[in-house]
Amino acid sequence: PRCVVENWVHRHWQDFESLWLNRSIELFSFEQVSLGNSQVMEIEHTAT
């Protein structure tokens, strides 16, 4: 989606290029969803 290109690819080009271009991005699919606050708190990353 245009919004994803703007906020991920364009804004973070260097990281996108080095980290994601070799990940078969043509197969990625995106869906916009609404998350409640408790669901936001369940978003994960590495512990640190």
All heavy atoms as atom14 arrays in JSON, in Angstrom:
{
  "sequence": "PRCVVENWVHRHWQDFESLWLNRSIELFSFEQVSLGNSQVMEIEHTAT",
  "atom14_mask": [
    [1, 1, 1, 1, 1, 1, 1, 0, 0, 0, 0, 0, 0, 0],
    [1, 1, 1, 1, 1, 1, 1, 1, 1, 1, 1, 0, 0, 0],
    [1, 1, 1, 1, 1, 1, 0, 0, 0, 0, 0, 0, 0, 0],
    [1, 1, 1, 1, 1, 1, 1, 0, 0, 0, 0, 0, 0, 0],
    [1, 1, 1, 1, 1, 1, 1, 0, 0, 0, 0, 0, 0, 0],
    [1, 1, 1, 1, 1, 1, 1, 1, 1, 0, 0, 0, 0, 0],
    [1, 1, 1, 1, 1, 1, 1, 1, 0, 0, 0, 0, 0, 0],
    [1, 1, 1, 1, 1, 1, 1, 1, 1, 1, 1, 1, 1, 1],
    [1, 1, 1, 1, 1, 1, 1, 0, 0, 0, 0, 0, 0, 0],
    [1, 1, 1, 1, 1, 1, 1, 1, 1, 1, 0, 0, 0, 0],
    [1, 1, 1, 1, 1, 1, 1, 1, 1, 1, 1, 0, 0, 0],
    [1, 1, 1, 1, 1, 1, 1, 1, 1, 1, 0, 0, 0, 0],
    [1, 1, 1, 1, 1, 1, 1, 1, 1, 1, 1, 1, 1, 1],
    [1, 1, 1, 1, 1, 1, 1, 1, 1, 0, 0, 0, 0, 0],
    [1, 1, 1, 1, 1, 1, 1, 1, 0, 0, 0, 0, 0, 0],
    [1, 1, 1, 1, 1, 1, 1, 1, 1, 1, 1, 0, 0, 0],
    [1, 1, 1, 1, 1, 1, 1, 1, 1, 0, 0, 0, 0, 0],
    [1, 1, 1, 1, 1, 1, 0, 0, 0, 0, 0, 0, 0, 0],
    [1, 1, 1, 1, 1, 1, 1, 1, 0, 0, 0, 0, 0, 0],
    [1, 1, 1, 1, 1, 1, 1, 1, 1, 1, 1, 1, 1, 1],
    [1, 1, 1, 1, 1, 1, 1, 1, 0, 0, 0, 0, 0, 0],
    [1, 1, 1, 1, 1, 1, 1, 1, 0, 0, 0, 0, 0, 0],
    [1, 1, 1, 1, 1, 1, 1, 1, 1, 1, 1, 0, 0, 0],
    [1, 1, 1, 1, 1, 1, 0, 0, 0, 0, 0, 0, 0, 0],
    [1, 1, 1, 1, 1, 1, 1, 1, 0, 0, 0, 0, 0, 0],
    [1, 1, 1, 1, 1, 1, 1, 1, 1, 0, 0, 0, 0, 0],
    [1, 1, 1, 1, 1, 1, 1, 1, 0, 0, 0, 0, 0, 0],
    [1, 1, 1, 1, 1, 1, 1, 1, 1, 1, 1, 0, 0, 0],
    [1, 1, 1, 1, 1, 1, 0, 0, 0, 0, 0, 0, 0, 0],
    [1, 1, 1, 1, 1, 1, 1, 1, 1, 1, 1, 0, 0, 0],
    [1, 1, 1, 1, 1, 1, 1, 1, 1, 0, 0, 0, 0, 0],
    [1, 1, 1, 1, 1, 1, 1, 1, 1, 0, 0, 0, 0, 0],
    [1, 1, 1, 1, 1, 1, 1, 0, 0, 0, 0, 0, 0, 0],
    [1, 1, 1, 1, 1, 1, 0, 0, 0, 0, 0, 0, 0, 0],
    [1, 1, 1, 1, 1, 1, 1, 1, 0, 0, 0, 0, 0, 0],
    [1, 1, 1, 1, 0, 0, 0, 0, 0, 0, 0, 0, 0, 0],
    [1, 1, 1, 1, 1, 1, 1, 1, 0, 0, 0, 0, 0, 0],
    [1, 1, 1, 1, 1, 1, 0, 0, 0, 0, 0, 0, 0, 0],
    [1, 1, 1, 1, 1, 1, 1, 1, 1, 0, 0, 0, 0, 0],
    [1, 1, 1, 1, 1, 1, 1, 0, 0, 0, 0, 0, 0, 0],
    [1, 1, 1, 1, 1, 1, 1, 1, 0, 0, 0, 0, 0, 0],
    [1, 1, 1, 1, 1, 1, 1, 1, 1, 0, 0, 0, 0, 0],
    [1, 1, 1, 1, 1, 1, 1, 1, 0, 0, 0, 0, 0, 0],
    [1, 1, 1, 1, 1, 1, 1, 1, 1, 0, 0, 0, 0, 0],
    [1, 1, 1, 1, 1, 1, 1, 1, 1, 1, 0, 0, 0, 0],
    [1, 1, 1, 1, 1, 1, 1, 0, 0, 0, 0, 0, 0, 0],
    [1, 1, 1, 1, 1, 0, 0, 0, 0, 0, 0, 0, 0, 0],
    [1, 1, 1, 1, 1, 1, 1, 0, 0, 0, 0, 0, 0, 0]
  ],
  "atom14_positions": [
    [[0.83, -1.21, 0.0], [0.0, 0.0, 0.0], [0.87, 1.26, 0.0], [1.99, 1.27, 0.53], [-0.79, -0.1, 1.31], [-0.74, -1.56, 1.67], [0.58, -2.06, 1.15], [0.0, 0.0, 0.0], [0.0, 0.0, 0.0], [0.0, 0.0, 0.0], [0.0, 0.0, 0.0], [0.0, 0.0, 0.0], [0.0, 0.0, 0.0], [0.0, 0.0, 0.0]],
    [[0.35, 2.32, -0.58], [1.06, 3.59, -0.67], [1.59, 4.02, 0.7], [2.73, 4.45, 0.83], [0.14, 4.66, -1.26], [0.77, 6.01, -1.4], [-0.23, 7.06, -1.92], [0.35, 8.38, -1.88], [0.89, 8.99, -2.92], [0.9, 8.4, -4.11], [1.41, 10.2, -2.79], [0.0, 0.0, 0.0], [0.0, 0.0, 0.0], [0.0, 0.0, 0.0]],
    [[0.77, 3.91, 1.71], [1.17, 4.31, 3.08], [2.38, 3.51, 3.56], [3.27, 4.05, 4.22], [-0.03, 4.09, 4.01], [0.29, 4.39, 5.74], [0.0, 0.0, 0.0], [0.0, 0.0, 0.0], [0.0, 0.0, 0.0], [0.0, 0.0, 0.0], [0.0, 0.0, 0.0], [0.0, 0.0, 0.0], [0.0, 0.0, 0.0], [0.0, 0.0, 0.0]],
    [[2.43, 2.24, 3.22], [3.56, 1.38, 3.62], [4.82, 1.79, 2.87], [5.9, 1.87, 3.45], [3.22, -0.11, 3.4], [4.45, -0.99, 3.57], [2.1, -0.55, 4.34], [0.0, 0.0, 0.0], [0.0, 0.0, 0.0], [0.0, 0.0, 0.0], [0.0, 0.0, 0.0], [0.0, 0.0, 0.0], [0.0, 0.0, 0.0], [0.0, 0.0, 0.0]],
    [[4.67, 2.06, 1.58], [5.83, 2.51, 0.8], [6.37, 3.81, 1.4], [7.59, 3.97, 1.56], [5.47, 2.7, -0.7], [6.65, 3.26, -1.48], [4.99, 1.39, -1.31], [0.0, 0.0, 0.0], [0.0, 0.0, 0.0], [0.0, 0.0, 0.0], [0.0, 0.0, 0.0], [0.0, 0.0, 0.0], [0.0, 0.0, 0.0], [0.0, 0.0, 0.0]],
    [[5.49, 4.71, 1.76], [5.93, 6.01, 2.3], [6.6, 5.87, 3.66], [7.69, 6.41, 3.88], [4.73, 6.95, 2.43], [5.11, 8.32, 2.94], [3.96, 9.3, 2.93], [2.79, 8.89, 2.75], [4.24, 10.51, 3.1], [0.0, 0.0, 0.0], [0.0, 0.0, 0.0], [0.0, 0.0, 0.0], [0.0, 0.0, 0.0], [0.0, 0.0, 0.0]],
    [[5.98, 5.15, 4.57], [6.47, 5.12, 5.95], [7.5, 4.05, 6.26], [8.19, 4.15, 7.26], [5.28, 5.0, 6.92], [4.45, 6.25, 6.92], [4.88, 7.28, 7.42], [3.28, 6.18, 6.31], [0.0, 0.0, 0.0], [0.0, 0.0, 0.0], [0.0, 0.0, 0.0], [0.0, 0.0, 0.0], [0.0, 0.0, 0.0], [0.0, 0.0, 0.0]],
    [[7.61, 3.06, 5.39], [8.61, 2.02, 5.62], [9.72, 2.13, 4.58], [10.88, 2.35, 4.92], [7.96, 0.65, 5.59], [8.84, -0.49, 6.0], [10.01, -0.43, 6.72], [8.61, -1.87, 5.74], [10.51, -1.69, 6.91], [9.67, -2.6, 6.32], [7.62, -2.56, 5.06], [9.76, -3.98, 6.25], [7.7, -3.94, 4.99], [8.76, -4.64, 5.59]],
    [[9.36, 2.0, 3.32], [10.38, 1.94, 2.27], [11.07, 3.3, 2.1], [12.3, 3.39, 2.21], [9.77, 1.48, 0.93], [10.84, 1.42, -0.15], [9.07, 0.13, 1.09], [0.0, 0.0, 0.0], [0.0, 0.0, 0.0], [0.0, 0.0, 0.0], [0.0, 0.0, 0.0], [0.0, 0.0, 0.0], [0.0, 0.0, 0.0], [0.0, 0.0, 0.0]],
    [[10.31, 4.35, 1.83], [10.89, 5.66, 1.55], [11.56, 6.25, 2.78], [12.69, 6.73, 2.72], [9.79, 6.6, 1.02], [10.28, 7.97, 0.69], [10.15, 9.03, 1.55], [10.91, 8.45, -0.42], [10.67, 10.11, 1.0], [11.14, 9.78, -0.2], [0.0, 0.0, 0.0], [0.0, 0.0, 0.0], [0.0, 0.0, 0.0], [0.0, 0.0, 0.0]],
    [[10.88, 6.21, 3.91], [11.41, 6.85, 5.12], [12.63, 6.11, 5.68], [13.49, 6.7, 6.3], [10.32, 6.94, 6.18], [10.76, 7.76, 7.38], [9.63, 8.12, 8.28], [8.8, 9.13, 7.61], [7.54, 9.37, 7.91], [6.95, 8.68, 8.85], [6.86, 10.29, 7.26], [0.0, 0.0, 0.0], [0.0, 0.0, 0.0], [0.0, 0.0, 0.0]],
    [[12.69, 4.8, 5.47], [13.77, 3.98, 6.04], [14.51, 3.22, 4.94], [14.85, 2.04, 5.11], [13.2, 2.99, 7.06], [12.44, 3.62, 8.16], [13.03, 4.37, 9.15], [11.11, 3.63, 8.45], [12.12, 4.8, 10.0], [10.95, 4.37, 9.59], [0.0, 0.0, 0.0], [0.0, 0.0, 0.0], [0.0, 0.0, 0.0], [0.0, 0.0, 0.0]],
    [[14.75, 3.87, 3.82], [15.29, 3.2, 2.65], [16.51, 2.34, 2.96], [16.59, 1.18, 2.57], [15.61, 4.18, 1.52], [16.37, 3.47, 0.43], [17.67, 3.63, 0.11], [15.86, 2.44, -0.4], [18.03, 2.76, -0.9], [16.92, 2.0, -1.22], [14.62, 1.82, -0.53], [16.77, 1.0, -2.17], [14.48, 0.81, -1.47], [15.54, 0.41, -2.28]],
    [[17.49, 2.87, 3.64], [18.75, 2.13, 3.85], [18.5, 0.81, 4.58], [19.01, -0.23, 4.16], [19.73, 3.0, 4.63], [21.13, 2.44, 4.67], [22.1, 3.45, 5.28], [21.73, 4.33, 6.06], [23.36, 3.32, 4.93], [0.0, 0.0, 0.0], [0.0, 0.0, 0.0], [0.0, 0.0, 0.0], [0.0, 0.0, 0.0], [0.0, 0.0, 0.0]],
    [[17.72, 0.83, 5.63], [17.4, -0.41, 6.35], [16.52, -1.32, 5.49], [16.72, -2.54, 5.46], [16.69, -0.12, 7.67], [17.65, 0.33, 8.76], [18.87, 0.09, 8.62], [17.18, 0.93, 9.74], [0.0, 0.0, 0.0], [0.0, 0.0, 0.0], [0.0, 0.0, 0.0], [0.0, 0.0, 0.0], [0.0, 0.0, 0.0], [0.0, 0.0, 0.0]],
    [[15.53, -0.74, 4.81], [14.66, -1.56, 3.97], [15.49, -2.28, 2.91], [15.34, -3.49, 2.7], [13.56, -0.72, 3.32], [12.58, -1.56, 2.56], [11.55, -2.18, 3.23], [12.72, -1.75, 1.2], [10.65, -2.99, 2.54], [11.83, -2.55, 0.51], [10.79, -3.18, 1.17], [0.0, 0.0, 0.0], [0.0, 0.0, 0.0], [0.0, 0.0, 0.0]],
    [[16.37, -1.55, 2.27], [17.2, -2.12, 1.22], [18.09, -3.24, 1.76], [18.15, -4.34, 1.19], [18.06, -1.04, 0.58], [19.01, -1.57, -0.48], [19.94, -0.5, -1.02], [20.4, 0.36, -0.25], [20.23, -0.57, -2.22], [0.0, 0.0, 0.0], [0.0, 0.0, 0.0], [0.0, 0.0, 0.0], [0.0, 0.0, 0.0], [0.0, 0.0, 0.0]],
    [[18.77, -2.99, 2.86], [19.74, -3.98, 3.35], [19.08, -5.16, 4.06], [19.63, -6.26, 4.06], [20.76, -3.31, 4.27], [20.14, -2.84, 5.45], [0.0, 0.0, 0.0], [0.0, 0.0, 0.0], [0.0, 0.0, 0.0], [0.0, 0.0, 0.0], [0.0, 0.0, 0.0], [0.0, 0.0, 0.0], [0.0, 0.0, 0.0], [0.0, 0.0, 0.0]],
    [[17.91, -4.95, 4.65], [17.31, -6.01, 5.46], [16.17, -6.76, 4.77], [15.97, -7.94, 5.04], [16.77, -5.44, 6.78], [17.8, -4.82, 7.72], [17.1, -4.15, 8.89], [18.78, -5.89, 8.2], [0.0, 0.0, 0.0], [0.0, 0.0, 0.0], [0.0, 0.0, 0.0], [0.0, 0.0, 0.0], [0.0, 0.0, 0.0], [0.0, 0.0, 0.0]],
    [[15.41, -6.1, 3.91], [14.16, -6.71, 3.44], [14.1, -7.02, 1.96], [13.28, -7.85, 1.55], [12.99, -5.8, 3.83], [12.88, -5.69, 5.32], [13.36, -4.69, 6.11], [12.29, -6.64, 6.2], [13.1, -4.95, 7.43], [12.44, -6.14, 7.52], [11.65, -7.86, 6.02], [11.98, -6.83, 8.64], [11.17, -8.54, 7.13], [11.34, -8.02, 8.41]],
    [[14.93, -6.41, 1.13], [14.79, -6.63, -0.31], [14.98, -8.08, -0.74], [14.41, -8.5, -1.73], [15.76, -5.73, -1.09], [15.29, -4.31, -1.33], [16.26, -3.57, -2.24], [13.89, -4.26, -1.9], [0.0, 0.0, 0.0], [0.0, 0.0, 0.0], [0.0, 0.0, 0.0], [0.0, 0.0, 0.0], [0.0, 0.0, 0.0], [0.0, 0.0, 0.0]],
    [[15.75, -8.84, -0.01], [15.98, -10.23, -0.38], [14.99, -11.19, 0.28], [15.21, -12.39, 0.34], [17.42, -10.64, -0.04], [17.66, -10.65, 1.45], [16.87, -10.12, 2.23], [18.77, -11.23, 1.87], [0.0, 0.0, 0.0], [0.0, 0.0, 0.0], [0.0, 0.0, 0.0], [0.0, 0.0, 0.0], [0.0, 0.0, 0.0], [0.0, 0.0, 0.0]],
    [[13.87, -10.67, 0.76], [12.88, -11.46, 1.51], [11.64, -11.79, 0.7], [10.56, -12.0, 1.28], [12.49, -10.72, 2.79], [13.62, -10.34, 3.71], [14.16, -11.5, 4.47], [13.21, -11.95, 5.45], [13.55, -12.62, 6.52], [14.81, -12.89, 6.76], [12.63, -13.03, 7.36], [0.0, 0.0, 0.0], [0.0, 0.0, 0.0], [0.0, 0.0, 0.0]],
    [[11.72, -11.84, -0.6], [10.55, -12.13, -1.46], [9.4, -11.16, -1.17], [8.25, -11.57, -0.96], [10.09, -13.58, -1.29], [11.13, -14.47, -1.61], [0.0, 0.0, 0.0], [0.0, 0.0, 0.0], [0.0, 0.0, 0.0], [0.0, 0.0, 0.0], [0.0, 0.0, 0.0], [0.0, 0.0, 0.0], [0.0, 0.0, 0.0], [0.0, 0.0, 0.0]],
    [[9.71, -9.87, -1.18], [8.72, -8.86, -0.8], [7.51, -8.83, -1.73], [6.44, -8.36, -1.34], [9.35, -7.46, -0.67], [9.93, -7.0, -2.0], [10.38, -7.44, 0.44], [10.39, -5.55, -1.99], [0.0, 0.0, 0.0], [0.0, 0.0, 0.0], [0.0, 0.0, 0.0], [0.0, 0.0, 0.0], [0.0, 0.0, 0.0], [0.0, 0.0, 0.0]],
    [[7.66, -9.37, -2.94], [6.52, -9.43, -3.84], [5.43, -10.35, -3.32], [4.29, -10.3, -3.77], [6.96, -9.83, -5.26], [7.43, -11.25, -5.4], [8.87, -11.5, -4.95], [9.55, -10.55, -4.51], [9.32, -12.65, -5.05], [0.0, 0.0, 0.0], [0.0, 0.0, 0.0], [0.0, 0.0, 0.0], [0.0, 0.0, 0.0], [0.0, 0.0, 0.0]],
    [[5.77, -11.19, -2.33], [4.8, -12.11, -1.72], [4.21, -11.57, -0.42], [3.32, -12.2, 0.15], [5.46, -13.46, -1.46], [6.03, -14.17, -2.69], [6.73, -15.46, -2.29], [4.95, -14.41, -3.72], [0.0, 0.0, 0.0], [0.0, 0.0, 0.0], [0.0, 0.0, 0.0], [0.0, 0.0, 0.0], [0.0, 0.0, 0.0], [0.0, 0.0, 0.0]],
    [[4.67, -10.44, 0.05], [4.11, -9.84, 1.27], [2.66, -9.44, 0.99], [2.34, -8.98, -0.11], [4.88, -8.59, 1.69], [6.23, -8.84, 2.31], [6.93, -10.01, 2.13], [6.82, -7.85, 3.07], [8.17, -10.21, 2.7], [8.07, -8.03, 3.65], [8.74, -9.22, 3.47], [0.0, 0.0, 0.0], [0.0, 0.0, 0.0], [0.0, 0.0, 0.0]],
    [[1.81, -9.59, 1.98], [0.45, -9.06, 1.86], [0.15, -8.24, 3.1], [0.62, -8.55, 4.2], [-0.57, -10.18, 1.66], [-0.6, -11.03, 2.78], [0.0, 0.0, 0.0], [0.0, 0.0, 0.0], [0.0, 0.0, 0.0], [0.0, 0.0, 0.0], [0.0, 0.0, 0.0], [0.0, 0.0, 0.0], [0.0, 0.0, 0.0], [0.0, 0.0, 0.0]],
    [[-0.61, -7.17, 2.9], [-0.9, -6.21, 3.95], [-2.4, -6.08, 4.15], [-3.16, -6.09, 3.19], [-0.34, -4.83, 3.58], [1.16, -4.79, 3.48], [1.8, -5.11, 2.3], [1.94, -4.46, 4.58], [3.18, -5.09, 2.2], [3.33, -4.43, 4.49], [3.95, -4.74, 3.3], [0.0, 0.0, 0.0], [0.0, 0.0, 0.0], [0.0, 0.0, 0.0]],
    [[-2.78, -5.96, 5.41], [-4.18, -5.74, 5.76], [-4.23, -4.72, 6.88], [-3.52, -4.86, 7.89], [-4.82, -7.05, 6.22], [-6.24, -6.9, 6.68], [-6.81, -8.21, 7.25], [-6.05, -9.15, 7.53], [-8.03, -8.24, 7.42], [0.0, 0.0, 0.0], [0.0, 0.0, 0.0], [0.0, 0.0, 0.0], [0.0, 0.0, 0.0], [0.0, 0.0, 0.0]],
    [[-5.06, -3.72, 6.72], [-5.2, -2.71, 7.77], [-6.22, -3.22, 8.79], [-7.31, -3.67, 8.42], [-5.68, -1.4, 7.15], [-5.18, -0.19, 7.88], [-5.46, 1.08, 7.13], [-6.62, 1.4, 6.89], [-4.43, 1.8, 6.78], [0.0, 0.0, 0.0], [0.0, 0.0, 0.0], [0.0, 0.0, 0.0], [0.0, 0.0, 0.0], [0.0, 0.0, 0.0]],
    [[-5.83, -3.19, 10.06], [-6.7, -3.65, 11.14], [-6.66, -2.64, 12.29], [-5.75, -1.82, 12.38], [-6.3, -5.06, 11.66], [-6.38, -6.09, 10.55], [-4.92, -5.04, 12.28], [0.0, 0.0, 0.0], [0.0, 0.0, 0.0], [0.0, 0.0, 0.0], [0.0, 0.0, 0.0], [0.0, 0.0, 0.0], [0.0, 0.0, 0.0], [0.0, 0.0, 0.0]],
    [[-7.63, -2.75, 13.17], [-7.71, -1.9, 14.35], [-7.34, -2.75, 15.57], [-7.87, -3.86, 15.74], [-9.13, -1.37, 14.48], [-9.26, -0.59, 15.64], [0.0, 0.0, 0.0], [0.0, 0.0, 0.0], [0.0, 0.0, 0.0], [0.0, 0.0, 0.0], [0.0, 0.0, 0.0], [0.0, 0.0, 0.0], [0.0, 0.0, 0.0], [0.0, 0.0, 0.0]],
    [[-6.43, -2.23, 16.4], [-6.04, -2.93, 17.62], [-6.44, -2.09, 18.83], [-6.19, -0.88, 18.86], [-4.53, -3.15, 17.68], [-3.87, -4.01, 16.61], [-2.38, -4.16, 16.9], [-4.54, -5.36, 16.49], [0.0, 0.0, 0.0], [0.0, 0.0, 0.0], [0.0, 0.0, 0.0], [0.0, 0.0, 0.0], [0.0, 0.0, 0.0], [0.0, 0.0, 0.0]],
    [[-7.01, -2.75, 19.82], [-7.29, -2.09, 21.09], [-6.0, -1.91, 21.88], [-4.95, -2.48, 21.54], [0.0, 0.0, 0.0], [0.0, 0.0, 0.0], [0.0, 0.0, 0.0], [0.0, 0.0, 0.0], [0.0, 0.0, 0.0], [0.0, 0.0, 0.0], [0.0, 0.0, 0.0], [0.0, 0.0, 0.0], [0.0, 0.0, 0.0], [0.0, 0.0, 0.0]],
    [[-6.06, -1.13, 22.95], [-4.86, -0.85, 23.73], [-4.23, -2.11, 24.31], [-3.0, -2.23, 24.32], [-5.18, 0.16, 24.83], [-5.46, 1.53, 24.25], [-4.84, 1.93, 23.27], [-6.4, 2.26, 24.84], [0.0, 0.0, 0.0], [0.0, 0.0, 0.0], [0.0, 0.0, 0.0], [0.0, 0.0, 0.0], [0.0, 0.0, 0.0], [0.0, 0.0, 0.0]],
    [[-5.02, -3.07, 24.77], [-4.43, -4.3, 25.3], [-3.72, -5.09, 24.2], [-2.68, -5.7, 24.43], [-5.48, -5.17, 26.0], [-6.49, -5.55, 25.09], [0.0, 0.0, 0.0], [0.0, 0.0, 0.0], [0.0, 0.0, 0.0], [0.0, 0.0, 0.0], [0.0, 0.0, 0.0], [0.0, 0.0, 0.0], [0.0, 0.0, 0.0], [0.0, 0.0, 0.0]],
    [[-4.24, -5.04, 22.98], [-3.59, -5.71, 21.84], [-2.3, -5.0, 21.46], [-1.32, -5.64, 21.09], [-4.53, -5.77, 20.64], [-5.73, -6.66, 20.87], [-6.75, -6.5, 19.76], [-7.27, -5.4, 19.53], [-7.03, -7.59, 19.07], [0.0, 0.0, 0.0], [0.0, 0.0, 0.0], [0.0, 0.0, 0.0], [0.0, 0.0, 0.0], [0.0, 0.0, 0.0]],
    [[-2.28, -3.67, 21.56], [-1.04, -2.92, 21.28], [0.04, -3.36, 22.26], [1.2, -3.54, 21.88], [-1.29, -1.39, 21.38], [0.03, -0.63, 21.41], [-2.16, -0.92, 20.22], [0.0, 0.0, 0.0], [0.0, 0.0, 0.0], [0.0, 0.0, 0.0], [0.0, 0.0, 0.0], [0.0, 0.0, 0.0], [0.0, 0.0, 0.0], [0.0, 0.0, 0.0]],
    [[-0.33, -3.57, 23.51], [0.65, -3.98, 24.52], [1.17, -5.4, 24.27], [2.17, -5.81, 24.85], [0.07, -3.85, 25.92], [-0.23, -2.4, 26.33], [1.21, -1.31, 26.27], [2.08, -1.81, 27.75], [0.0, 0.0, 0.0], [0.0, 0.0, 0.0], [0.0, 0.0, 0.0], [0.0, 0.0, 0.0], [0.0, 0.0, 0.0], [0.0, 0.0, 0.0]],
    [[0.52, -6.16, 23.39], [0.96, -7.51, 23.05], [1.9, -7.54, 21.84], [2.39, -8.6, 21.46], [-0.25, -8.41, 22.78], [-1.08, -8.66, 24.02], [-2.38, -9.41, 23.74], [-2.63, -9.76, 22.56], [-3.13, -9.62, 24.7], [0.0, 0.0, 0.0], [0.0, 0.0, 0.0], [0.0, 0.0, 0.0], [0.0, 0.0, 0.0], [0.0, 0.0, 0.0]],
    [[2.14, -6.38, 21.22], [3.09, -6.32, 20.12], [4.47, -6.63, 20.68], [4.85, -6.11, 21.73], [3.06, -4.93, 19.44], [1.7, -4.71, 18.79], [4.19, -4.82, 18.41], [1.47, -3.3, 18.27], [0.0, 0.0, 0.0], [0.0, 0.0, 0.0], [0.0, 0.0, 0.0], [0.0, 0.0, 0.0], [0.0, 0.0, 0.0], [0.0, 0.0, 0.0]],
    [[5.21, -7.49, 20.0], [6.48, -7.97, 20.53], [7.67, -7.53, 19.68], [7.53, -7.15, 18.52], [6.46, -9.49, 20.61], [5.39, -10.02, 21.55], [5.45, -11.53, 21.68], [6.47, -12.02, 22.19], [4.48, -12.18, 21.27], [0.0, 0.0, 0.0], [0.0, 0.0, 0.0], [0.0, 0.0, 0.0], [0.0, 0.0, 0.0], [0.0, 0.0, 0.0]],
    [[8.8, -7.63, 20.31], [10.1, -7.42, 19.67], [11.07, -8.24, 20.53], [10.63, -9.0, 21.39], [10.45, -5.93, 19.66], [11.27, -5.53, 18.46], [12.23, -6.32, 17.9], [11.27, -4.39, 17.73], [12.77, -5.7, 16.87], [12.2, -4.52, 16.74], [0.0, 0.0, 0.0], [0.0, 0.0, 0.0], [0.0, 0.0, 0.0], [0.0, 0.0, 0.0]],
    [[12.34, -8.09, 20.33], [13.25, -8.81, 21.22], [13.09, -8.23, 22.63], [12.68, -7.07, 22.8], [14.72, -8.64, 20.78], [15.07, -7.28, 20.91], [14.91, -9.13, 19.37], [0.0, 0.0, 0.0], [0.0, 0.0, 0.0], [0.0, 0.0, 0.0], [0.0, 0.0, 0.0], [0.0, 0.0, 0.0], [0.0, 0.0, 0.0], [0.0, 0.0, 0.0]],
    [[13.41, -9.01, 23.64], [13.21, -8.59, 25.03], [13.9, -7.27, 25.34], [13.34, -6.4, 25.99], [13.69, -9.69, 25.97], [0.0, 0.0, 0.0], [0.0, 0.0, 0.0], [0.0, 0.0, 0.0], [0.0, 0.0, 0.0], [0.0, 0.0, 0.0], [0.0, 0.0, 0.0], [0.0, 0.0, 0.0], [0.0, 0.0, 0.0], [0.0, 0.0, 0.0]],
    [[15.11, -7.11, 24.88], [15.83, -5.87, 25.18], [15.22, -4.68, 24.46], [15.25, -3.57, 24.97], [17.32, -5.99, 24.81], [17.44, -6.34, 23.43], [18.01, -7.03, 25.66], [0.0, 0.0, 0.0], [0.0, 0.0, 0.0], [0.0, 0.0, 0.0], [0.0, 0.0, 0.0], [0.0, 0.0, 0.0], [0.0, 0.0, 0.0], [0.0, 0.0, 0.0]]
  ]
}
